[in-house]
Amino acid sequence: MRLRVEFTTEPFDLDEAPAHAVVAREVIQSAELDAVDVGPFGNTAEGGADAVLTAVDALLRRSLAAGATRVSLQVNVLGEDEK
């Protein structure tokens, strides 16, 4: 099964990326995922279910520890033709 996760961390800071956002990006970019797209207002990653779920666990734990007060995420199951 393939999954896509979309997430944001808060609070926002438009002048400089907060520590929790930097940590979240580092977690996702270092995970064994097939596709990663990071941006200032949202991030997306895709991969196998185990890899995505492991990355989400680390993302939540590490970004909350780094000061995130809210993490919004959505996980979708991808069809065979979605890559």
Protein backbone atom coordinates (compact mmCIF):
# COMPACT_ATOMS: atom_id res chain seq x y z
CA MET A 1 0.00 0.00 0.00
CA ARG A 2 1.22 3.49 -0.87
CA LEU A 3 0.37 6.54 1.21
CA ARG A 4 0.57 10.30 0.80
CA VAL A 5 0.91 12.53 3.86
CA GLU A 6 0.33 16.26 3.82
CA PHE A 7 1.27 18.24 6.93
CA THR A 8 1.89 21.64 8.47
CA THR A 9 3.29 22.64 11.84
CA GLU A 10 2.38 25.72 13.85
CA PRO A 11 2.91 28.40 15.03
CA PHE A 12 3.86 30.07 11.77
CA ASP A 13 6.65 32.60 11.44
CA LEU A 14 6.82 34.31 8.07
CA ASP A 15 10.25 35.87 8.74
CA GLU A 16 12.18 32.74 9.70
CA ALA A 17 11.37 29.02 9.75
CA PRO A 18 10.74 28.02 13.37
CA ALA A 19 12.71 25.13 14.88
CA HIS A 20 9.71 22.78 14.76
CA ALA A 21 9.27 23.38 11.02
CA VAL A 22 12.96 22.77 10.35
CA VAL A 23 12.86 19.54 12.36
CA ALA A 24 9.72 18.36 10.54
CA ARG A 25 11.34 18.97 7.16
CA GLU A 26 14.54 17.19 8.23
CA VAL A 27 12.53 14.15 9.35
CA ILE A 28 10.64 13.92 6.07
CA GLN A 29 13.63 14.62 3.85
CA SER A 30 15.75 11.98 5.60
CA ALA A 31 13.03 9.31 5.55
CA GLU A 32 13.01 6.57 2.93
CA LEU A 33 10.17 8.08 0.92
CA ASP A 34 9.60 8.15 -2.83
CA ALA A 35 8.51 11.77 -3.23
CA VAL A 36 8.91 14.77 -0.94
CA ASP A 37 7.74 18.33 -1.56
CA VAL A 38 8.39 20.91 1.19
CA GLY A 39 7.09 24.45 1.17
CA PRO A 40 6.40 27.35 3.50
CA PHE A 41 2.71 26.54 4.02
CA GLY A 42 2.52 22.80 3.51
CA ASN A 43 4.54 19.69 2.89
CA THR A 44 3.77 16.47 1.06
CA ALA A 45 5.48 13.09 1.02
CA GLU A 46 4.67 9.74 -0.56
CA GLY A 47 5.91 6.23 -0.10
CA GLY A 48 5.16 2.76 1.15
CA ALA A 49 2.86 2.53 4.15
CA ASP A 50 5.57 1.46 6.62
CA ALA A 51 7.94 4.24 5.57
CA VAL A 52 5.24 6.94 5.69
CA LEU A 53 3.88 5.82 9.05
CA THR A 54 7.38 5.63 10.55
CA ALA A 55 8.12 9.12 9.25
CA VAL A 56 4.81 10.48 10.63
CA ASP A 57 5.59 9.05 14.07
CA ALA A 58 9.03 10.70 14.07
CA LEU A 59 7.58 13.92 12.64
CA LEU A 60 5.02 14.21 15.43
CA ARG A 61 7.40 13.35 18.25
CA ARG A 62 10.27 15.55 17.09
CA SER A 63 8.29 18.60 15.95
CA LEU A 64 6.26 18.69 19.18
CA ALA A 65 9.48 18.39 21.18
CA ALA A 66 10.91 21.28 19.14
CA GLY A 67 8.03 23.61 20.05
CA ALA A 68 5.16 22.93 17.67
CA THR A 69 1.83 23.75 19.28
CA ARG A 70 -0.19 22.17 16.49
CA VAL A 71 0.51 19.65 13.76
CA SER A 72 -2.12 19.24 11.06
CA LEU A 73 -1.84 16.22 8.83
CA GLN A 74 -3.79 14.23 6.35
CA VAL A 75 -2.96 10.73 5.17
CA ASN A 76 -4.38 9.34 1.93
CA VAL A 77 -4.18 5.86 0.47
CA LEU A 78 -2.99 6.11 -3.12
CA GLY A 79 -4.43 4.03 -5.90
CA GLU A 80 -2.25 1.89 -8.12
CA ASP A 81 -2.23 4.56 -10.84
CA GLU A 82 -1.22 7.43 -8.48
CA LYS A 83 2.53 7.94 -8.24
